[in-house]
Amino acid sequence: MITDADVTKLEKKFATKADLVNFKDVILHEIKGLREDVAIVTGYKDQIEDIDYRVERLEKHTKIPPVAS
């Protein structure tokens, strides 16, 4: 017969349903944050590309060497 002590030992050894749900919540929270970041970057993509073009033009016009990335 399985006792409460045996169940406690098994719970410590193996992941419980609550552990899996908590892990899933953490992962989903991270994914949600990444999606928000991607949405923000995508929204500003045209502005970022325009700034790169403008910086290149300024560097050529002022004869400033480009900064190595």
PDB file of N, CA and C in Angstrom:
ATOM      1  N   MET A   1       0.835  -1.167   0.000  1.00  0.00           N
ATOM      2  CA  MET A   1       0.000   0.000   0.000  1.00  0.00           C
ATOM      3  C   MET A   1       0.895   1.252   0.000  1.00  0.00           C
ATOM      4  N   ILE A   2       0.482   2.285  -0.716  1.00  0.00           N
ATOM      5  CA  ILE A   2       1.250   3.526  -0.828  1.00  0.00           C
ATOM      6  C   ILE A   2       0.842   4.469   0.300  1.00  0.00           C
ATOM      7  N   THR A   3       1.827   4.980   0.984  1.00  0.00           N
ATOM      8  CA  THR A   3       1.567   5.896   2.099  1.00  0.00           C
ATOM      9  C   THR A   3       1.764   7.339   1.650  1.00  0.00           C
ATOM     10  N   ASP A   4       1.396   8.259   2.516  1.00  0.00           N
ATOM     11  CA  ASP A   4       1.596   9.683   2.220  1.00  0.00           C
ATOM     12  C   ASP A   4       3.076  10.007   2.068  1.00  0.00           C
ATOM     13  N   ALA A   5       3.908   9.345   2.815  1.00  0.00           N
ATOM     14  CA  ALA A   5       5.354   9.562   2.711  1.00  0.00           C
ATOM     15  C   ALA A   5       5.862   9.132   1.339  1.00  0.00           C
ATOM     16  N   ASP A   6       5.322   8.019   0.817  1.00  0.00           N
ATOM     17  CA  ASP A   6       5.706   7.563  -0.518  1.00  0.00           C
ATOM     18  C   ASP A   6       5.279   8.576  -1.578  1.00  0.00           C
ATOM     19  N   VAL A   7       4.085   9.101  -1.431  1.00  0.00           N
ATOM     20  CA  VAL A   7       3.581  10.099  -2.383  1.00  0.00           C
ATOM     21  C   VAL A   7       4.454  11.351  -2.331  1.00  0.00           C
ATOM     22  N   THR A   8       4.845  11.771  -1.156  1.00  0.00           N
ATOM     23  CA  THR A   8       5.701  12.947  -1.001  1.00  0.00           C
ATOM     24  C   THR A   8       7.049  12.728  -1.671  1.00  0.00           C
ATOM     25  N   LYS A   9       7.617  11.547  -1.501  1.00  0.00           N
ATOM     26  CA  LYS A   9       8.893  11.226  -2.151  1.00  0.00           C
ATOM     27  C   LYS A   9       8.754  11.273  -3.668  1.00  0.00           C
ATOM     28  N   LEU A  10       7.658  10.711  -4.173  1.00  0.00           N
ATOM     29  CA  LEU A  10       7.445  10.700  -5.620  1.00  0.00           C
ATOM     30  C   LEU A  10       7.230  12.112  -6.159  1.00  0.00           C
ATOM     31  N   GLU A  11       6.516  12.944  -5.418  1.00  0.00           N
ATOM     32  CA  GLU A  11       6.289  14.323  -5.859  1.00  0.00           C
ATOM     33  C   GLU A  11       7.598  15.094  -5.937  1.00  0.00           C
ATOM     34  N   LYS A  12       8.507  14.821  -5.012  1.00  0.00           N
ATOM     35  CA  LYS A  12       9.803  15.498  -5.041  1.00  0.00           C
ATOM     36  C   LYS A  12      10.648  15.012  -6.207  1.00  0.00           C
ATOM     37  N   LYS A  13      10.481  13.747  -6.570  1.00  0.00           N
ATOM     38  CA  LYS A  13      11.301  13.145  -7.614  1.00  0.00           C
ATOM     39  C   LYS A  13      10.800  13.497  -9.018  1.00  0.00           C
ATOM     40  N   PHE A  14       9.485  13.555  -9.199  1.00  0.00           N
ATOM     41  CA  PHE A  14       8.896  13.783 -10.515  1.00  0.00           C
ATOM     42  C   PHE A  14       8.130  15.102 -10.534  1.00  0.00           C
ATOM     43  N   ALA A  15       8.026  15.669 -11.732  1.00  0.00           N
ATOM     44  CA  ALA A  15       7.279  16.912 -11.891  1.00  0.00           C
ATOM     45  C   ALA A  15       5.790  16.638 -11.708  1.00  0.00           C
ATOM     46  N   THR A  16       5.148  17.509 -10.983  1.00  0.00           N
ATOM     47  CA  THR A  16       3.709  17.372 -10.789  1.00  0.00           C
ATOM     48  C   THR A  16       2.989  18.193 -11.848  1.00  0.00           C
ATOM     49  N   LYS A  17       1.683  18.054 -11.888  1.00  0.00           N
ATOM     50  CA  LYS A  17       0.884  18.808 -12.853  1.00  0.00           C
ATOM     51  C   LYS A  17       1.044  20.309 -12.609  1.00  0.00           C
ATOM     52  N   ALA A  18       1.073  20.709 -11.349  1.00  0.00           N
ATOM     53  CA  ALA A  18       1.243  22.128 -11.023  1.00  0.00           C
ATOM     54  C   ALA A  18       2.596  22.644 -11.514  1.00  0.00           C
ATOM     55  N   ASP A  19       3.647  21.825 -11.383  1.00  0.00           N
ATOM     56  CA  ASP A  19       4.971  22.223 -11.876  1.00  0.00           C
ATOM     57  C   ASP A  19       4.943  22.439 -13.384  1.00  0.00           C
ATOM     58  N   LEU A  20       4.283  21.537 -14.086  1.00  0.00           N
ATOM     59  CA  LEU A  20       4.204  21.651 -15.544  1.00  0.00           C
ATOM     60  C   LEU A  20       3.394  22.870 -15.961  1.00  0.00           C
ATOM     61  N   VAL A  21       2.307  23.138 -15.257  1.00  0.00           N
ATOM     62  CA  VAL A  21       1.483  24.303 -15.575  1.00  0.00           C
ATOM     63  C   VAL A  21       2.268  25.588 -15.319  1.00  0.00           C
ATOM     64  N   ASN A  22       2.998  25.641 -14.221  1.00  0.00           N
ATOM     65  CA  ASN A  22       3.812  26.825 -13.926  1.00  0.00           C
ATOM     66  C   ASN A  22       4.895  27.022 -14.980  1.00  0.00           C
ATOM     67  N   PHE A  23       5.536  25.941 -15.400  1.00  0.00           N
ATOM     68  CA  PHE A  23       6.565  26.021 -16.434  1.00  0.00           C
ATOM     69  C   PHE A  23       5.959  26.525 -17.742  1.00  0.00           C
ATOM     70  N   LYS A  24       4.790  25.999 -18.078  1.00  0.00           N
ATOM     71  CA  LYS A  24       4.095  26.421 -19.300  1.00  0.00           C
ATOM     72  C   LYS A  24       3.754  27.908 -19.223  1.00  0.00           C
ATOM     73  N   ASP A  25       3.297  28.376 -18.074  1.00  0.00           N
ATOM     74  CA  ASP A  25       2.972  29.787 -17.916  1.00  0.00           C
ATOM     75  C   ASP A  25       4.196  30.671 -18.125  1.00  0.00           C
ATOM     76  N   VAL A  26       5.333  30.245 -17.606  1.00  0.00           N
ATOM     77  CA  VAL A  26       6.569  31.016 -17.765  1.00  0.00           C
ATOM     78  C   VAL A  26       6.950  31.098 -19.243  1.00  0.00           C
ATOM     79  N   ILE A  27       6.886  29.966 -19.932  1.00  0.00           N
ATOM     80  CA  ILE A  27       7.235  29.936 -21.359  1.00  0.00           C
ATOM     81  C   ILE A  27       6.280  30.808 -22.172  1.00  0.00           C
ATOM     82  N   LEU A  28       4.984  30.687 -21.912  1.00  0.00           N
ATOM     83  CA  LEU A  28       4.004  31.485 -22.655  1.00  0.00           C
ATOM     84  C   LEU A  28       4.188  32.976 -22.391  1.00  0.00           C
ATOM     85  N   HIS A  29       4.547  33.338 -21.179  1.00  0.00           N
ATOM     86  CA  HIS A  29       4.801  34.742 -20.859  1.00  0.00           C
ATOM     87  C   HIS A  29       5.996  35.260 -21.659  1.00  0.00           C
ATOM     88  N   GLU A  30       7.042  34.454 -21.767  1.00  0.00           N
ATOM     89  CA  GLU A  30       8.219  34.846 -22.546  1.00  0.00           C
ATOM     90  C   GLU A  30       7.868  34.995 -24.024  1.00  0.00           C
ATOM     91  N   ILE A  31       7.092  34.067 -24.553  1.00  0.00           N
ATOM     92  CA  ILE A  31       6.697  34.129 -25.965  1.00  0.00           C
ATOM     93  C   ILE A  31       5.866  35.379 -26.221  1.00  0.00           C
ATOM     94  N   LYS A  32       4.970  35.696 -25.315  1.00  0.00           N
ATOM     95  CA  LYS A  32       4.142  36.892 -25.469  1.00  0.00           C
ATOM     96  C   LYS A  32       5.021  38.140 -25.523  1.00  0.00           C
ATOM     97  N   GLY A  33       6.017  38.209 -24.651  1.00  0.00           N
ATOM     98  CA  GLY A  33       6.935  39.345 -24.658  1.00  0.00           C
ATOM     99  C   GLY A  33       7.717  39.448 -25.954  1.00  0.00           C
ATOM    100  N   LEU A  34       8.164  38.307 -26.473  1.00  0.00           N
ATOM    101  CA  LEU A  34       8.897  38.308 -27.742  1.00  0.00           C
ATOM    102  C   LEU A  34       8.011  38.770 -28.888  1.00  0.00           C
ATOM    103  N   ARG A  35       6.763  38.329 -28.892  1.00  0.00           N
ATOM    104  CA  ARG A  35       5.836  38.761 -29.950  1.00  0.00           C
ATOM    105  C   ARG A  35       5.612  40.264 -29.899  1.00  0.00           C
ATOM    106  N   GLU A  36       5.494  40.812 -28.701  1.00  0.00           N
ATOM    107  CA  GLU A  36       5.321  42.256 -28.574  1.00  0.00           C
ATOM    108  C   GLU A  36       6.554  42.985 -29.095  1.00  0.00           C
ATOM    109  N   ASP A  37       7.746  42.475 -28.788  1.00  0.00           N
ATOM    110  CA  ASP A  37       8.979  43.083 -29.280  1.00  0.00           C
ATOM    111  C   ASP A  37       9.036  43.049 -30.803  1.00  0.00           C
ATOM    112  N   VAL A  38       8.664  41.919 -31.386  1.00  0.00           N
ATOM    113  CA  VAL A  38       8.677  41.785 -32.844  1.00  0.00           C
ATOM    114  C   VAL A  38       7.676  42.749 -33.460  1.00  0.00           C
ATOM    115  N   ALA A  39       6.518  42.893 -32.861  1.00  0.00           N
ATOM    116  CA  ALA A  39       5.506  43.811 -33.388  1.00  0.00           C
ATOM    117  C   ALA A  39       6.008  45.247 -33.350  1.00  0.00           C
ATOM    118  N   ILE A  40       6.702  45.613 -32.296  1.00  0.00           N
ATOM    119  CA  ILE A  40       7.228  46.974 -32.183  1.00  0.00           C
ATOM    120  C   ILE A  40       8.297  47.218 -33.238  1.00  0.00           C
ATOM    121  N   VAL A  41       9.228  46.283 -33.373  1.00  0.00           N
ATOM    122  CA  VAL A  41      10.306  46.438 -34.352  1.00  0.00           C
ATOM    123  C   VAL A  41       9.742  46.472 -35.763  1.00  0.00           C
ATOM    124  N   THR A  42       8.772  45.627 -36.050  1.00  0.00           N
ATOM    125  CA  THR A  42       8.165  45.598 -37.377  1.00  0.00           C
ATOM    126  C   THR A  42       7.494  46.928 -37.685  1.00  0.00           C
ATOM    127  N   GLY A  43       6.860  47.523 -36.702  1.00  0.00           N
ATOM    128  CA  GLY A  43       6.192  48.803 -36.901  1.00  0.00           C
ATOM    129  C   GLY A  43       7.160  49.930 -37.216  1.00  0.00           C
ATOM    130  N   TYR A  44       8.369  49.854 -36.711  1.00  0.00           N
ATOM    131  CA  TYR A  44       9.360  50.907 -36.925  1.00  0.00           C
ATOM    132  C   TYR A  44      10.387  50.552 -37.992  1.00  0.00           C
ATOM    133  N   LYS A  45      10.168  49.469 -38.722  1.00  0.00           N
ATOM    134  CA  LYS A  45      11.150  48.999 -39.703  1.00  0.00           C
ATOM    135  C   LYS A  45      11.459  50.068 -40.750  1.00  0.00           C
ATOM    136  N   ASP A  46      10.437  50.698 -41.295  1.00  0.00           N
ATOM    137  CA  ASP A  46      10.658  51.717 -42.321  1.00  0.00           C
ATOM    138  C   ASP A  46      11.464  52.892 -41.771  1.00  0.00           C
ATOM    139  N   GLN A  47      11.162  53.307 -40.556  1.00  0.00           N
ATOM    140  CA  GLN A  47      11.894  54.420 -39.958  1.00  0.00           C
ATOM    141  C   GLN A  47      13.350  54.043 -39.708  1.00  0.00           C
ATOM    142  N   ILE A  48      13.582  52.812 -39.282  1.00  0.00           N
ATOM    143  CA  ILE A  48      14.955  52.357 -39.032  1.00  0.00           C
ATOM    144  C   ILE A  48      15.746  52.334 -40.335  1.00  0.00           C
ATOM    145  N   GLU A  49      15.139  51.819 -41.398  1.00  0.00           N
ATOM    146  CA  GLU A  49      15.822  51.782 -42.692  1.00  0.00           C
ATOM    147  C   GLU A  49      16.088  53.191 -43.198  1.00  0.00           C
ATOM    148  N   ASP A  50      15.144  54.106 -42.982  1.00  0.00           N
ATOM    149  CA  ASP A  50      15.317  55.489 -43.414  1.00  0.00           C
ATOM    150  C   ASP A  50      16.469  56.140 -42.658  1.00  0.00           C
ATOM    151  N   ILE A  51      16.593  55.859 -41.382  1.00  0.00           N
ATOM    152  CA  ILE A  51      17.685  56.434 -40.593  1.00  0.00           C
ATOM    153  C   ILE A  51      19.029  55.921 -41.100  1.00  0.00           C
ATOM    154  N   ASP A  52      19.110  54.635 -41.428  1.00  0.00           N
ATOM    155  CA  ASP A  52      20.360  54.087 -41.970  1.00  0.00           C
ATOM    156  C   ASP A  52      20.754  54.815 -43.248  1.00  0.00           C
ATOM    157  N   TYR A  53      19.788  55.036 -44.123  1.00  0.00           N
ATOM    158  CA  TYR A  53      20.050  55.732 -45.383  1.00  0.00           C
ATOM    159  C   TYR A  53      20.517  57.164 -45.105  1.00  0.00           C
ATOM    160  N   ARG A  54      19.848  57.843 -44.186  1.00  0.00           N
ATOM    161  CA  ARG A  54      20.199  59.224 -43.876  1.00  0.00           C
ATOM    162  C   ARG A  54      21.594  59.322 -43.259  1.00  0.00           C
ATOM    163  N   VAL A  55      21.937  58.372 -42.393  1.00  0.00           N
ATOM    164  CA  VAL A  55      23.269  58.377 -41.781  1.00  0.00           C
ATOM    165  C   VAL A  55      24.336  58.166 -42.849  1.00  0.00           C
ATOM    166  N   GLU A  56      24.100  57.254 -43.778  1.00  0.00           N
ATOM    167  CA  GLU A  56      25.060  57.029 -44.868  1.00  0.00           C
ATOM    168  C   GLU A  56      25.261  58.300 -45.676  1.00  0.00           C
ATOM    169  N   ARG A  57      24.174  58.990 -45.994  1.00  0.00           N
ATOM    170  CA  ARG A  57      24.281  60.237 -46.764  1.00  0.00           C
ATOM    171  C   ARG A  57      25.068  61.290 -45.990  1.00  0.00           C
ATOM    172  N   LEU A  58      24.797  61.401 -44.684  1.00  0.00           N
ATOM    173  CA  LEU A  58      25.535  62.373 -43.869  1.00  0.00           C
ATOM    174  C   LEU A  58      27.020  62.026 -43.798  1.00  0.00           C
ATOM    175  N   GLU A  59      27.326  60.745 -43.667  1.00  0.00           N
ATOM    176  CA  GLU A  59      28.726  60.326 -43.610  1.00  0.00           C
ATOM    177  C   GLU A  59      29.442  60.654 -44.912  1.00  0.00           C
ATOM    178  N   LYS A  60      28.776  60.436 -46.041  1.00  0.00           N
ATOM    179  CA  LYS A  60      29.393  60.758 -47.333  1.00  0.00           C
ATOM    180  C   LYS A  60      29.565  62.266 -47.482  1.00  0.00           C
ATOM    181  N   HIS A  61      28.544  63.017 -47.110  1.00  0.00           N
ATOM    182  CA  HIS A  61      28.569  64.464 -47.278  1.00  0.00           C
ATOM    183  C   HIS A  61      29.620  65.114 -46.381  1.00  0.00           C
ATOM    184  N   THR A  62      29.754  64.647 -45.162  1.00  0.00           N
ATOM    185  CA  THR A  62      30.701  65.252 -44.228  1.00  0.00           C
ATOM    186  C   THR A  62      32.053  64.557 -44.240  1.00  0.00           C
ATOM    187  N   LYS A  63      32.173  63.511 -45.058  1.00  0.00           N
ATOM    188  CA  LYS A  63      33.401  62.728 -45.195  1.00  0.00           C
ATOM    189  C   LYS A  63      33.830  62.083 -43.869  1.00  0.00           C
ATOM    190  N   ILE A  64      32.847  61.743 -43.051  1.00  0.00           N
ATOM    191  CA  ILE A  64      33.108  61.021 -41.801  1.00  0.00           C
ATOM    192  C   ILE A  64      33.148  59.536 -42.138  1.00  0.00           C
ATOM    193  N   PRO A  65      34.202  58.843 -41.722  1.00  0.00           N
ATOM    194  CA  PRO A  65      34.246  57.407 -42.028  1.00  0.00           C
ATOM    195  C   PRO A  65      33.154  56.657 -41.255  1.00  0.00           C
ATOM    196  N   PRO A  66      32.542  55.664 -41.891  1.00  0.00           N
ATOM    197  CA  PRO A  66      31.491  54.911 -41.206  1.00  0.00           C
ATOM    198  C   PRO A  66      32.051  54.146 -40.012  1.00  0.00           C
ATOM    199  N   VAL A  67      31.234  54.010 -38.996  1.00  0.00           N
ATOM    200  CA  VAL A  67      31.622  53.274 -37.796  1.00  0.00           C
ATOM    201  C   VAL A  67      31.485  51.792 -38.090  1.00  0.00           C
ATOM    202  N   ALA A  68      32.534  51.025 -37.780  1.00  0.00           N
ATOM    203  CA  ALA A  68      32.485  49.578 -38.011  1.00  0.00           C
ATOM    204  C   ALA A  68      31.532  48.946 -37.010  1.00  0.00           C
ATOM    205  N   SER A  69      30.703  48.017 -37.479  1.00  0.00           N
ATOM    206  CA  SER A  69      29.738  47.363 -36.596  1.00  0.00           C
ATOM    207  C   SER A  69      30.328  46.149 -35.969  1.00  0.00           C
TER     208      SER A  69
END
